[in-house]
Every structure is written in structure tokens, then in C-alpha cells.
């Protein structure tokens, strides 16, 4: 899955990674463990909020 999201500034750096920053952040990311629908495997996906 690929999501193309607009950046607030052309140089990037809009993802909040939990560190303090002088600039405002627009997006947050979170890792979520998901279960396969057709099997027993678990995998993690990154969700951008």
C-alpha cells in the first residue's frame, strides 16, 4: 500500500516521530500489528494519521 500525501513544506519533515521540533508537524505514524485474513501469520503495517 502506498499513500501519496502532500507536504506542508517542500523540504519535507512533516512526520511527527515523537521528538521535539521547532516546526509544526502535520502527520503522525503508528505501527499496527494485523492478522492475515487467510492464515495465522501476524505482520505489522505503518499507518499515517
Foldseek 3Di string as FASTA:
>chain_A
DDDDDDAPDPVHPQECPPDDDPDHHDKYKDWDWDADPVDGDIDIDIDID
